[in-house]
């Protein structure tokens, strides 16, 4: 699709973003100044200010998380307000968008329609930057269940994110909680590394060694003789 001519000089980037909404690019656009953002047709853009200037959005993309100015006539006219900006950022592993949403006072304990917290989605994505950013803010809800009874530990185990499972255990997450299907996190993974963190291993080496010696030396002194 051919590009629309656009010759206006962009205004300065606002110092602080506003609320976050989502739009889709209608055309390819190549930035014409350091303040602008390049993007491709069909790409999703996260708009953080759509009201300060008449003809421009301030937005980021998954490819360019630093952000820049976007001409409004290059994106779809209708925008969908993101009710759960933190959830979306955590799900996509978009650390800059996550930081931006936190700066805009997005709720860490808010739930989406499925009952997931942003921390559920961070554990789902497996992005450790997002997990580590949200973890200190989510310790009080580290064992929060969603609508099907899954905790962040369930989600991380199901997605086989061993590093996430490890940091959850280190921060007091309960690995024995069962979901609505009566499954623990261990029941949801086939990854050896994840299983090693979740299994309760008992070391019997000393016991086995003692029993071997008893077998070689005869009956244990404490055994009753016939």
C-alpha atoms as a PDB file:
ATOM      1  CA  UNK A   1       0.000   0.000   0.000  1.00  0.00           C
ATOM      2  CA  UNK A   2       1.429   3.389  -0.963  1.00  0.00           C
ATOM      3  CA  UNK A   3       2.400   5.792   1.790  1.00  0.00           C
ATOM      4  CA  UNK A   4       0.466   8.970   2.547  1.00  0.00           C
ATOM      5  CA  UNK A   5       2.405  12.178   2.130  1.00  0.00           C
ATOM      6  CA  UNK A   6       3.133  13.815   5.422  1.00  0.00           C
ATOM      7  CA  UNK A   7       5.194  17.005   5.596  1.00  0.00           C
ATOM      8  CA  UNK A   8       4.361  18.529   8.966  1.00  0.00           C
ATOM      9  CA  UNK A   9       7.175  19.077  11.432  1.00  0.00           C
ATOM     10  CA  UNK A  10       6.513  16.990  14.574  1.00  0.00           C
ATOM     11  CA  UNK A  11       6.154  18.746  17.916  1.00  0.00           C
ATOM     12  CA  UNK A  12       8.484  18.008  20.843  1.00  0.00           C
ATOM     13  CA  UNK A  13       7.859  14.717  22.651  1.00  0.00           C
ATOM     14  CA  UNK A  14       5.859  15.278  25.854  1.00  0.00           C
ATOM     15  CA  UNK A  15       7.841  14.683  29.024  1.00  0.00           C
ATOM     16  CA  UNK A  16       5.353  12.263  30.573  1.00  0.00           C
ATOM     17  CA  UNK A  17       3.081   9.684  28.888  1.00  0.00           C
ATOM     18  CA  UNK A  18      -0.641   9.556  29.441  1.00  0.00           C
ATOM     19  CA  UNK A  19      -2.896   6.504  29.566  1.00  0.00           C
ATOM     20  CA  UNK A  20      -2.171   3.553  27.323  1.00  0.00           C
ATOM     21  CA  UNK A  21      -4.343   2.497  24.386  1.00  0.00           C
ATOM     22  CA  UNK A  22      -3.719   0.259  21.409  1.00  0.00           C
ATOM     23  CA  UNK A  23      -3.966   0.940  17.669  1.00  0.00           C
ATOM     24  CA  UNK A  24      -2.976  -0.837  14.451  1.00  0.00           C
ATOM     25  CA  UNK A  25      -0.846   0.791  11.746  1.00  0.00           C
ATOM     26  CA  UNK A  26      -2.619   1.257   8.418  1.00  0.00           C
ATOM     27  CA  UNK A  27       0.543   1.979   6.419  1.00  0.00           C
ATOM     28  CA  UNK A  28       4.319   1.735   6.580  1.00  0.00           C
ATOM     29  CA  UNK A  29       5.990   4.796   8.050  1.00  0.00           C
ATOM     30  CA  UNK A  30       9.660   5.768   8.175  1.00  0.00           C
ATOM     31  CA  UNK A  31      10.698   8.234  10.852  1.00  0.00           C
ATOM     32  CA  UNK A  32      11.784  11.588   9.473  1.00  0.00           C
ATOM     33  CA  UNK A  33      13.298  12.943  12.666  1.00  0.00           C
ATOM     34  CA  UNK A  34      14.792  11.483  15.863  1.00  0.00           C
ATOM     35  CA  UNK A  35      11.516  12.213  17.680  1.00  0.00           C
ATOM     36  CA  UNK A  36       9.429  10.049  15.345  1.00  0.00           C
ATOM     37  CA  UNK A  37       8.753   6.310  15.385  1.00  0.00           C
ATOM     38  CA  UNK A  38       9.099   3.999  12.370  1.00  0.00           C
ATOM     39  CA  UNK A  39       6.604   1.169  11.976  1.00  0.00           C
ATOM     40  CA  UNK A  40       5.120  -1.225   9.424  1.00  0.00           C
ATOM     41  CA  UNK A  41       1.605  -1.741   8.111  1.00  0.00           C
ATOM     42  CA  UNK A  42      -0.382  -3.964  10.475  1.00  0.00           C
ATOM     43  CA  UNK A  43       1.985  -3.424  13.399  1.00  0.00           C
ATOM     44  CA  UNK A  44       0.481  -2.889  16.856  1.00  0.00           C
ATOM     45  CA  UNK A  45       1.304   0.433  18.523  1.00  0.00           C
ATOM     46  CA  UNK A  46       0.842   1.289  22.187  1.00  0.00           C
ATOM     47  CA  UNK A  47      -0.313   4.884  22.482  1.00  0.00           C
ATOM     48  CA  UNK A  48       0.664   6.653  25.690  1.00  0.00           C
ATOM     49  CA  UNK A  49      -0.550  10.133  24.751  1.00  0.00           C
ATOM     50  CA  UNK A  50      -3.271  10.830  22.174  1.00  0.00           C
ATOM     51  CA  UNK A  51      -4.574  14.211  23.286  1.00  0.00           C
ATOM     52  CA  UNK A  52      -1.675  16.623  23.762  1.00  0.00           C
ATOM     53  CA  UNK A  53      -1.205  17.250  20.024  1.00  0.00           C
ATOM     54  CA  UNK A  54      -3.819  17.281  17.307  1.00  0.00           C
ATOM     55  CA  UNK A  55      -2.035  15.292  14.619  1.00  0.00           C
ATOM     56  CA  UNK A  56       0.330  13.043  16.575  1.00  0.00           C
ATOM     57  CA  UNK A  57       0.365  10.120  18.977  1.00  0.00           C
ATOM     58  CA  UNK A  58       3.186   9.267  21.346  1.00  0.00           C
ATOM     59  CA  UNK A  59       3.556   5.497  21.064  1.00  0.00           C
ATOM     60  CA  UNK A  60       5.790   2.460  21.387  1.00  0.00           C
ATOM     61  CA  UNK A  61       5.913  -0.870  19.553  1.00  0.00           C
ATOM     62  CA  UNK A  62       7.214  -4.303  20.477  1.00  0.00           C
ATOM     63  CA  UNK A  63      10.188  -3.645  18.199  1.00  0.00           C
ATOM     64  CA  UNK A  64      10.889  -0.115  19.422  1.00  0.00           C
ATOM     65  CA  UNK A  65      10.123   0.154  23.107  1.00  0.00           C
ATOM     66  CA  UNK A  66      11.755   3.556  23.495  1.00  0.00           C
ATOM     67  CA  UNK A  67       8.877   5.126  21.624  1.00  0.00           C
ATOM     68  CA  UNK A  68       8.323   8.195  19.513  1.00  0.00           C
ATOM     69  CA  UNK A  69       5.781  10.311  17.697  1.00  0.00           C
ATOM     70  CA  UNK A  70       3.319   8.723  15.268  1.00  0.00           C
ATOM     71  CA  UNK A  71       1.145  10.571  12.711  1.00  0.00           C
ATOM     72  CA  UNK A  72      -2.477   9.873  13.553  1.00  0.00           C
ATOM     73  CA  UNK A  73      -3.501   9.490   9.908  1.00  0.00           C
ATOM     74  CA  UNK A  74      -1.214   6.447   9.579  1.00  0.00           C
ATOM     75  CA  UNK A  75      -3.103   4.372  12.145  1.00  0.00           C
ATOM     76  CA  UNK A  76      -6.669   3.215  12.550  1.00  0.00           C
ATOM     77  CA  UNK A  77      -9.041   5.908  13.720  1.00  0.00           C
ATOM     78  CA  UNK A  78     -10.689   3.937  16.514  1.00  0.00           C
ATOM     79  CA  UNK A  79      -8.544   3.023  19.495  1.00  0.00           C
ATOM     80  CA  UNK A  80      -9.154   0.348  22.087  1.00  0.00           C
ATOM     81  CA  UNK A  81      -8.391   1.460  25.617  1.00  0.00           C
ATOM     82  CA  UNK A  82      -6.282  -1.110  27.402  1.00  0.00           C
ATOM     83  CA  UNK A  83      -8.124  -1.966  30.598  1.00  0.00           C
ATOM     84  CA  UNK A  84      -5.153  -4.028  31.794  1.00  0.00           C
ATOM     85  CA  UNK A  85      -2.020  -2.331  30.538  1.00  0.00           C
ATOM     86  CA  UNK A  86       0.226  -4.145  33.029  1.00  0.00           C
ATOM     87  CA  UNK A  87      -1.201  -7.518  32.034  1.00  0.00           C
ATOM     88  CA  UNK A  88      -0.549  -6.852  28.356  1.00  0.00           C
ATOM     89  CA  UNK A  89       2.992  -5.608  28.945  1.00  0.00           C
ATOM     90  CA  UNK A  90       3.861  -8.583  31.159  1.00  0.00           C
ATOM     91  CA  UNK A  91       2.347 -11.054  28.691  1.00  0.00           C
ATOM     92  CA  UNK A  92       4.440  -9.649  25.835  1.00  0.00           C
ATOM     93  CA  UNK A  93       7.600  -9.330  27.905  1.00  0.00           C
ATOM     94  CA  UNK A  94       7.685  -5.600  27.146  1.00  0.00           C
ATOM     95  CA  UNK A  95       9.723  -4.225  30.050  1.00  0.00           C
ATOM     96  CA  UNK A  96       9.628  -0.587  28.890  1.00  0.00           C
ATOM     97  CA  UNK A  97       5.854  -0.652  28.505  1.00  0.00           C
ATOM     98  CA  UNK A  98       5.610  -2.352  31.899  1.00  0.00           C
ATOM     99  CA  UNK A  99       7.715   0.360  33.534  1.00  0.00           C
ATOM    100  CA  UNK A 100       5.652   3.004  31.798  1.00  0.00           C
ATOM    101  CA  UNK A 101       2.394   1.483  33.013  1.00  0.00           C
ATOM    102  CA  UNK A 102       3.702   1.280  36.576  1.00  0.00           C
ATOM    103  CA  UNK A 103       4.721   4.938  36.377  1.00  0.00           C
ATOM    104  CA  UNK A 104       1.138   5.694  35.367  1.00  0.00           C
ATOM    105  CA  UNK A 105      -0.054   3.961  38.564  1.00  0.00           C
ATOM    106  CA  UNK A 106      -1.520   0.869  36.900  1.00  0.00           C
ATOM    107  CA  UNK A 107      -2.746  -1.616  39.509  1.00  0.00           C
ATOM    108  CA  UNK A 108      -0.432  -4.538  40.299  1.00  0.00           C
ATOM    109  CA  UNK A 109      -3.267  -6.420  41.995  1.00  0.00           C
ATOM    110  CA  UNK A 110      -5.808  -5.851  39.227  1.00  0.00           C
ATOM    111  CA  UNK A 111      -7.394  -8.911  37.614  1.00  0.00           C
ATOM    112  CA  UNK A 112      -8.241  -9.515  33.970  1.00  0.00           C
ATOM    113  CA  UNK A 113     -11.356 -11.387  32.832  1.00  0.00           C
ATOM    114  CA  UNK A 114      -9.674 -14.733  33.515  1.00  0.00           C
ATOM    115  CA  UNK A 115      -8.710 -13.684  37.040  1.00  0.00           C
ATOM    116  CA  UNK A 116      -5.013 -13.322  36.221  1.00  0.00           C
ATOM    117  CA  UNK A 117      -2.796 -10.749  37.890  1.00  0.00           C
ATOM    118  CA  UNK A 118      -0.021  -9.016  35.913  1.00  0.00           C
ATOM    119  CA  UNK A 119       2.371 -11.334  37.754  1.00  0.00           C
ATOM    120  CA  UNK A 120       0.537 -14.375  36.331  1.00  0.00           C
ATOM    121  CA  UNK A 121       1.298 -13.053  32.850  1.00  0.00           C
ATOM    122  CA  UNK A 122       4.927 -12.261  33.650  1.00  0.00           C
ATOM    123  CA  UNK A 123       5.385 -15.867  34.784  1.00  0.00           C
ATOM    124  CA  UNK A 124       3.573 -17.017  31.638  1.00  0.00           C
ATOM    125  CA  UNK A 125       5.885 -15.062  29.344  1.00  0.00           C
ATOM    126  CA  UNK A 126       8.996 -16.179  31.195  1.00  0.00           C
ATOM    127  CA  UNK A 127      10.621 -12.775  30.727  1.00  0.00           C
ATOM    128  CA  UNK A 128      12.861 -12.489  33.779  1.00  0.00           C
ATOM    129  CA  UNK A 129      13.134  -8.702  33.578  1.00  0.00           C
ATOM    130  CA  UNK A 130       9.357  -8.437  33.902  1.00  0.00           C
ATOM    131  CA  UNK A 131       9.236 -11.121  36.603  1.00  0.00           C
ATOM    132  CA  UNK A 132      11.914  -9.402  38.686  1.00  0.00           C
ATOM    133  CA  UNK A 133      10.274  -5.993  38.293  1.00  0.00           C
ATOM    134  CA  UNK A 134       6.846  -7.224  39.398  1.00  0.00           C
ATOM    135  CA  UNK A 135       7.949  -9.741  42.041  1.00  0.00           C
ATOM    136  CA  UNK A 136       8.659  -7.279  44.903  1.00  0.00           C
ATOM    137  CA  UNK A 137       5.297  -5.623  44.200  1.00  0.00           C
ATOM    138  CA  UNK A 138       3.468  -8.968  44.071  1.00  0.00           C
ATOM    139  CA  UNK A 139       4.728 -10.860  47.122  1.00  0.00           C
ATOM    140  CA  UNK A 140       1.371 -10.515  48.860  1.00  0.00           C
ATOM    141  CA  UNK A 141      -0.353 -12.160  45.875  1.00  0.00           C
ATOM    142  CA  UNK A 142       2.375 -14.616  44.894  1.00  0.00           C
ATOM    143  CA  UNK A 143      -0.052 -17.517  45.479  1.00  0.00           C
ATOM    144  CA  UNK A 144      -3.086 -15.772  43.973  1.00  0.00           C
ATOM    145  CA  UNK A 145      -5.349 -18.156  42.040  1.00  0.00           C
ATOM    146  CA  UNK A 146      -7.009 -17.231  38.754  1.00  0.00           C
ATOM    147  CA  UNK A 147     -10.462 -18.386  37.678  1.00  0.00           C
ATOM    148  CA  UNK A 148      -9.298 -21.971  37.093  1.00  0.00           C
ATOM    149  CA  UNK A 149      -7.265 -22.119  40.279  1.00  0.00           C
ATOM    150  CA  UNK A 150      -3.842 -21.617  38.711  1.00  0.00           C
ATOM    151  CA  UNK A 151      -1.228 -19.676  40.659  1.00  0.00           C
ATOM    152  CA  UNK A 152       1.762 -17.973  39.017  1.00  0.00           C
ATOM    153  CA  UNK A 153       3.693 -21.151  39.916  1.00  0.00           C
ATOM    154  CA  UNK A 154       1.195 -23.262  37.949  1.00  0.00           C
ATOM    155  CA  UNK A 155       1.559 -20.998  34.934  1.00  0.00           C
ATOM    156  CA  UNK A 156       5.367 -20.919  35.011  1.00  0.00           C
ATOM    157  CA  UNK A 157       5.513 -24.703  35.421  1.00  0.00           C
ATOM    158  CA  UNK A 158       3.070 -25.297  32.564  1.00  0.00           C
ATOM    159  CA  UNK A 159       5.219 -23.096  30.301  1.00  0.00           C
ATOM    160  CA  UNK A 160       8.384 -24.880  31.519  1.00  0.00           C
ATOM    161  CA  UNK A 161      10.127 -21.711  32.719  1.00  0.00           C
ATOM    162  CA  UNK A 162      12.653 -23.205  35.121  1.00  0.00           C
ATOM    163  CA  UNK A 163      14.281 -19.907  36.093  1.00  0.00           C
ATOM    164  CA  UNK A 164      10.897 -18.415  36.962  1.00  0.00           C
ATOM    165  CA  UNK A 165       9.944 -21.465  39.025  1.00  0.00           C
ATOM    166  CA  UNK A 166      13.217 -21.228  40.905  1.00  0.00           C
ATOM    167  CA  UNK A 167      12.789 -17.560  41.821  1.00  0.00           C
ATOM    168  CA  UNK A 168       9.192 -18.200  42.879  1.00  0.00           C
ATOM    169  CA  UNK A 169      10.272 -20.946  45.265  1.00  0.00           C
ATOM    170  CA  UNK A 170      13.078 -18.767  46.616  1.00  0.00           C
ATOM    171  CA  UNK A 171      10.510 -16.074  47.409  1.00  0.00           C
ATOM    172  CA  UNK A 172       8.088 -18.316  49.263  1.00  0.00           C
ATOM    173  CA  UNK A 173       5.635 -19.441  46.587  1.00  0.00           C
ATOM    174  CA  UNK A 174       3.694 -22.566  47.566  1.00  0.00           C
ATOM    175  CA  UNK A 175       4.391 -25.395  45.104  1.00  0.00           C
ATOM    176  CA  UNK A 176       1.779 -27.716  46.655  1.00  0.00           C
ATOM    177  CA  UNK A 177      -1.333 -25.668  45.812  1.00  0.00           C
ATOM    178  CA  UNK A 178      -3.834 -27.524  43.632  1.00  0.00           C
ATOM    179  CA  UNK A 179      -5.913 -25.914  40.892  1.00  0.00           C
ATOM    180  CA  UNK A 180      -9.530 -26.624  39.951  1.00  0.00           C
ATOM    181  CA  UNK A 181      -8.388 -29.818  38.192  1.00  0.00           C
ATOM    182  CA  UNK A 182      -6.687 -30.938  41.417  1.00  0.00           C
ATOM    183  CA  UNK A 183      -3.266 -30.520  39.820  1.00  0.00           C
ATOM    184  CA  UNK A 184      -0.139 -29.129  41.443  1.00  0.00           C
ATOM    185  CA  UNK A 185       2.497 -27.254  39.417  1.00  0.00           C
ATOM    186  CA  UNK A 186       4.505 -30.490  39.266  1.00  0.00           C
ATOM    187  CA  UNK A 187       1.606 -32.173  37.465  1.00  0.00           C
ATOM    188  CA  UNK A 188       1.733 -29.561  34.691  1.00  0.00           C
ATOM    189  CA  UNK A 189       5.364 -29.776  33.591  1.00  0.00           C
ATOM    190  CA  UNK A 190       7.499 -32.309  31.752  1.00  0.00           C
ATOM    191  CA  UNK A 191      10.667 -30.219  31.914  1.00  0.00           C
ATOM    192  CA  UNK A 192      13.418 -31.932  33.956  1.00  0.00           C
ATOM    193  CA  UNK A 193      14.791 -28.658  35.332  1.00  0.00           C
ATOM    194  CA  UNK A 194      11.361 -27.508  36.471  1.00  0.00           C
ATOM    195  CA  UNK A 195      10.622 -30.905  38.001  1.00  0.00           C
ATOM    196  CA  UNK A 196      13.895 -30.798  39.920  1.00  0.00           C
ATOM    197  CA  UNK A 197      12.786 -27.589  41.628  1.00  0.00           C
ATOM    198  CA  UNK A 198       9.303 -28.869  42.377  1.00  0.00           C
ATOM    199  CA  UNK A 199      10.000 -32.415  43.532  1.00  0.00           C
ATOM    200  CA  UNK A 200      10.532 -33.105  47.228  1.00  0.00           C
ATOM    201  CA  UNK A 201      13.659 -35.208  47.123  1.00  0.00           C
ATOM    202  CA  UNK A 202      14.765 -37.242  50.156  1.00  0.00           C
ATOM    203  CA  UNK A 203      18.337 -38.392  50.216  1.00  0.00           C
ATOM    204  CA  UNK A 204      18.681 -42.033  51.261  1.00  0.00           C
ATOM    205  CA  UNK A 205      22.386 -42.459  50.530  1.00  0.00           C
ATOM    206  CA  UNK A 206      23.442 -42.917  54.165  1.00  0.00           C
ATOM    207  CA  UNK A 207      20.525 -45.249  54.776  1.00  0.00           C
ATOM    208  CA  UNK A 208      21.382 -47.330  51.709  1.00  0.00           C
ATOM    209  CA  UNK A 209      25.026 -47.418  52.682  1.00  0.00           C
ATOM    210  CA  UNK A 210      24.120 -48.673  56.185  1.00  0.00           C
ATOM    211  CA  UNK A 211      21.785 -51.342  54.802  1.00  0.00           C
ATOM    212  CA  UNK A 212      24.504 -52.512  52.394  1.00  0.00           C
ATOM    213  CA  UNK A 213      26.940 -52.877  55.251  1.00  0.00           C
ATOM    214  CA  UNK A 214      24.360 -54.807  57.274  1.00  0.00           C
ATOM    215  CA  UNK A 215      23.904 -57.156  54.348  1.00  0.00           C
ATOM    216  CA  UNK A 216      27.616 -57.802  54.199  1.00  0.00           C
ATOM    217  CA  UNK A 217      28.186 -58.102  57.938  1.00  0.00           C
ATOM    218  CA  UNK A 218      25.077 -59.990  58.831  1.00  0.00           C
ATOM    219  CA  UNK A 219      21.961 -59.027  60.730  1.00  0.00           C
ATOM    220  CA  UNK A 220      21.689 -55.665  62.444  1.00  0.00           C
ATOM    221  CA  UNK A 221      22.465 -55.836  66.146  1.00  0.00           C
ATOM    222  CA  UNK A 222      18.976 -54.586  66.827  1.00  0.00           C
ATOM    223  CA  UNK A 223      17.319 -57.396  64.837  1.00  0.00           C
ATOM    224  CA  UNK A 224      15.642 -60.171  66.781  1.00  0.00           C
ATOM    225  CA  UNK A 225      17.277 -63.541  66.219  1.00  0.00           C
ATOM    226  CA  UNK A 226      15.269 -66.704  65.897  1.00  0.00           C
END
